[in-house]
Amino acid sequence: MAQTVPRLINQKAVHVLSYVSFLFLMQKANAFEFKVGGWKGNWTVPADPNSALYNQWAEKNRFQIGDTLLFVYDANHDSVLHVTKDDYTNCNTGAPLEKFTDGHTVFKFNQSGPYYFISGVSDNCHKNEKMVVVVMADRSGHNSSPPILSSPSPAPGEESPSGVTIAPSQDSSPPKAKNDASSSVSAVLGTVAAFVGSSLVLVV
């Protein structure tokens, strides 16, 4: 009888830890983290300042709500600004929606539509250290906003940067996203919980 009680407690602990691990891993399952410029790239002035390197990279990827961007850069010499379309076009660093200076910035997409990023160094922005990311609309039916029936045509003389076609969104500027790595933390906690849970199974 004395051995039965600890065994039941261990089994319950394993079940609870397994359930918690499953929840953490499910939270991470549908979101992806994209390192800006690819896994070998960093947020810096492109080798060819006349190329739209970051926009070309962004066009090759499909971004969804919940995904994150990872900007890696030298915090002593650069930063990342989340800006409006006009500030993107003109490389205006004076009034960003958000400014990041930590050298390892994680930016989470909270809604669909275009997001504009530029270097916090105006000269770097003019050398094409800037990027437009278009986040796809949520087609799962979880979105409570009504569907857009037609897309407005661009104003005369207005064109998308570097051939990027921007889908219309409900709001012209996305809300501010927090600079956090909660999905990464959740993944790490889920992995640790899974390891602890499997260790308890081996002990029992």
Protein backbone atom coordinates (compact mmCIF):
# COMPACT_ATOMS: atom_id res chain seq x y z
CA MET A 1 0.00 0.00 0.00
CA ALA A 2 2.85 2.39 0.84
CA GLN A 3 4.29 1.99 -2.66
CA THR A 4 0.90 2.48 -4.36
CA VAL A 5 0.36 6.08 -3.18
CA PRO A 6 3.71 7.44 -4.48
CA ARG A 7 3.15 5.57 -7.73
CA LEU A 8 -0.29 7.21 -8.16
CA ILE A 9 1.19 10.62 -7.41
CA ASN A 10 3.93 10.05 -9.99
CA GLN A 11 1.36 8.95 -12.58
CA LYS A 12 -0.75 12.05 -11.95
CA ALA A 13 2.34 14.26 -12.20
CA VAL A 14 3.24 12.64 -15.52
CA HIS A 15 -0.27 13.21 -16.87
CA VAL A 16 -0.30 16.86 -15.77
CA LEU A 17 3.15 17.54 -17.22
CA SER A 18 2.23 15.79 -20.46
CA TYR A 19 -0.90 17.90 -20.77
CA VAL A 20 1.00 21.13 -20.05
CA SER A 21 3.69 20.17 -22.58
CA PHE A 22 1.04 19.48 -25.18
CA LEU A 23 -0.58 22.88 -24.60
CA PHE A 24 2.72 24.73 -24.91
CA LEU A 25 3.66 22.90 -28.09
CA MET A 26 0.21 23.46 -29.64
CA GLN A 27 0.52 27.19 -29.02
CA LYS A 28 3.72 27.22 -31.08
CA ALA A 29 2.50 24.80 -33.77
CA ASN A 30 0.87 27.30 -36.11
CA ALA A 31 3.31 30.21 -35.84
CA PHE A 32 6.72 30.54 -37.45
CA GLU A 33 9.71 32.73 -36.72
CA PHE A 34 11.44 34.16 -39.78
CA LYS A 35 14.98 35.50 -39.50
CA VAL A 36 15.07 38.61 -41.66
CA GLY A 37 17.27 37.99 -44.68
CA GLY A 38 17.29 34.22 -44.15
CA TRP A 39 19.23 32.20 -41.59
CA LYS A 40 22.59 33.46 -42.84
CA GLY A 41 21.53 37.09 -43.14
CA ASN A 42 21.43 39.97 -40.69
CA TRP A 43 19.64 43.34 -40.72
CA THR A 44 22.30 45.53 -42.35
CA VAL A 45 22.90 47.55 -45.52
CA PRO A 46 22.77 45.14 -48.51
CA ALA A 47 26.08 44.44 -50.28
CA ASP A 48 24.47 46.00 -53.37
CA PRO A 49 22.67 49.12 -52.08
CA ASN A 50 20.72 49.33 -55.36
CA SER A 51 19.05 45.96 -54.77
CA ALA A 52 15.84 45.48 -52.85
CA LEU A 53 17.34 42.50 -51.01
CA TYR A 54 14.94 42.46 -48.06
CA ASN A 55 11.82 42.95 -50.19
CA GLN A 56 12.96 40.10 -52.45
CA TRP A 57 13.38 37.91 -49.37
CA ALA A 58 9.97 38.94 -48.01
CA GLU A 59 8.27 38.19 -51.35
CA LYS A 60 9.58 34.61 -51.21
CA ASN A 61 7.91 33.95 -47.85
CA ARG A 62 4.28 33.68 -46.75
CA PHE A 63 3.59 35.49 -43.51
CA GLN A 64 0.51 34.84 -41.38
CA ILE A 65 -0.99 36.34 -38.25
CA GLY A 66 0.95 35.05 -35.24
CA ASP A 67 4.24 34.68 -37.13
CA THR A 68 7.27 36.62 -35.93
CA LEU A 69 10.23 38.32 -37.56
CA LEU A 70 13.67 38.10 -35.98
CA PHE A 71 15.94 41.07 -36.73
CA VAL A 72 19.61 40.48 -35.81
CA TYR A 73 21.85 43.57 -36.02
CA ASP A 74 24.64 45.46 -34.29
CA ALA A 75 22.77 47.48 -31.65
CA ASN A 76 25.68 49.94 -31.40
CA HIS A 77 25.33 50.98 -35.04
CA ASP A 78 21.78 50.22 -36.16
CA SER A 79 18.17 49.76 -35.12
CA VAL A 80 14.81 48.71 -36.57
CA LEU A 81 11.88 51.06 -37.04
CA HIS A 82 8.30 49.97 -37.71
CA VAL A 83 6.92 52.88 -39.76
CA THR A 84 4.06 54.05 -41.96
CA LYS A 85 4.10 53.65 -45.74
CA ASP A 86 5.03 57.32 -46.24
CA ASP A 87 7.91 57.09 -43.77
CA TYR A 88 9.05 53.90 -45.51
CA THR A 89 9.02 55.57 -48.93
CA ASN A 90 10.84 58.70 -47.70
CA CYS A 91 13.17 56.95 -45.20
CA ASN A 92 11.81 59.21 -42.45
CA THR A 93 13.24 58.02 -39.13
CA GLY A 94 11.73 60.85 -37.06
CA ALA A 95 8.31 59.45 -36.12
CA PRO A 96 8.32 55.63 -36.05
CA LEU A 97 5.34 53.62 -34.87
CA GLU A 98 7.87 51.56 -32.90
CA LYS A 99 11.64 51.66 -32.42
CA PHE A 100 13.78 48.65 -31.51
CA THR A 101 17.41 48.95 -30.43
CA ASP A 102 18.24 45.66 -28.68
CA GLY A 103 20.15 43.96 -31.54
CA HIS A 104 17.91 40.88 -31.40
CA THR A 105 14.38 42.12 -32.09
CA VAL A 106 11.37 39.81 -32.32
CA PHE A 107 8.31 41.42 -33.95
CA LYS A 108 4.96 39.58 -33.91
CA PHE A 109 2.26 40.08 -36.56
CA ASN A 110 -1.13 40.70 -34.92
CA GLN A 111 -3.19 41.38 -38.04
CA SER A 112 -3.07 41.04 -41.80
CA GLY A 113 -1.89 43.71 -44.20
CA PRO A 114 1.37 45.49 -44.97
CA TYR A 115 4.06 46.18 -42.37
CA TYR A 116 6.87 48.62 -43.16
CA PHE A 117 10.34 48.41 -41.60
CA ILE A 118 13.37 50.65 -42.09
CA SER A 119 16.78 51.06 -40.50
CA GLY A 120 16.93 53.63 -37.73
CA VAL A 121 19.91 55.13 -39.58
CA SER A 122 18.48 57.27 -42.39
CA ASP A 123 21.53 56.77 -44.63
CA ASN A 124 21.17 52.97 -44.28
CA CYS A 125 17.51 53.21 -45.25
CA HIS A 126 18.43 55.17 -48.38
CA LYS A 127 20.80 52.28 -49.20
CA ASN A 128 17.81 49.86 -49.14
CA GLU A 129 18.02 48.62 -45.58
CA LYS A 130 14.24 48.58 -45.53
CA MET A 131 11.49 46.06 -46.09
CA VAL A 132 7.77 45.63 -46.70
CA VAL A 133 6.14 42.49 -45.33
CA VAL A 134 2.61 41.57 -46.34
CA VAL A 135 0.76 39.38 -43.83
CA MET A 136 -1.96 37.21 -45.32
CA ALA A 137 -5.53 37.49 -44.11
CA ASP A 138 -6.91 34.88 -41.73
CA ARG A 139 -9.03 32.55 -43.87
CA SER A 140 -9.89 30.15 -41.04
CA GLY A 141 -13.14 31.90 -40.14
CA HIS A 142 -11.79 33.03 -36.74
CA ASN A 143 -11.56 36.62 -37.95
CA SER A 144 -14.61 38.61 -36.87
CA SER A 145 -14.12 41.43 -39.36
CA PRO A 146 -16.19 41.34 -42.57
CA PRO A 147 -14.48 40.25 -45.79
CA ILE A 148 -13.30 42.89 -48.24
CA LEU A 149 -15.35 42.67 -51.41
CA SER A 150 -13.23 44.77 -53.73
CA SER A 151 -9.79 46.25 -53.61
CA PRO A 152 -9.35 49.96 -54.18
CA SER A 153 -7.16 51.00 -57.08
CA PRO A 154 -4.01 52.92 -56.20
CA ALA A 155 -3.96 56.68 -56.43
CA PRO A 156 -2.54 58.12 -59.67
CA GLY A 157 1.25 58.02 -59.65
CA GLU A 158 1.32 55.75 -56.59
CA GLU A 159 2.95 52.38 -56.91
CA SER A 160 4.05 49.62 -54.60
CA PRO A 161 7.75 49.50 -53.68
CA SER A 162 9.87 47.10 -55.75
CA GLY A 163 6.88 45.44 -57.38
CA VAL A 164 5.31 44.32 -54.10
CA THR A 165 1.56 43.93 -54.46
CA ILE A 166 -0.09 44.97 -51.24
CA ALA A 167 -3.43 43.45 -50.35
CA PRO A 168 -5.92 45.90 -48.87
CA SER A 169 -6.51 45.73 -45.16
CA GLN A 170 -9.21 46.98 -42.83
CA ASP A 171 -6.84 49.43 -41.16
CA SER A 172 -4.14 51.41 -42.92
CA SER A 173 -1.59 50.97 -40.15
CA PRO A 174 -1.22 47.79 -38.12
CA PRO A 175 -1.40 48.05 -34.34
CA LYS A 176 1.78 48.18 -32.38
CA ALA A 177 3.18 44.75 -31.60
CA LYS A 178 5.12 44.08 -28.43
CA ASN A 179 8.78 43.26 -28.67
CA ASP A 180 8.56 39.89 -26.98
CA ALA A 181 9.56 36.36 -27.61
CA SER A 182 6.60 34.75 -25.86
CA SER A 183 6.20 32.07 -28.51
CA SER A 184 9.89 31.16 -28.20
CA VAL A 185 9.60 31.05 -24.42
CA SER A 186 6.52 28.85 -24.74
CA ALA A 187 8.39 26.46 -27.00
CA VAL A 188 11.30 26.24 -24.56
CA LEU A 189 8.97 25.70 -21.59
CA GLY A 190 7.09 23.04 -23.54
CA THR A 191 10.32 21.24 -24.36
CA VAL A 192 11.51 21.40 -20.74
CA ALA A 193 8.13 20.15 -19.50
CA ALA A 194 8.20 17.29 -22.01
CA PHE A 195 11.72 16.34 -20.87
CA VAL A 196 10.73 16.42 -17.19
CA GLY A 197 7.57 14.43 -17.93
CA SER A 198 9.47 11.75 -19.82
CA SER A 199 12.08 11.60 -17.03
CA LEU A 200 9.32 10.94 -14.49
CA VAL A 201 8.00 8.11 -16.66
CA LEU A 202 11.44 6.50 -16.61
CA VAL A 203 11.65 6.83 -12.81
CA VAL A 204 8.28 5.13 -12.33
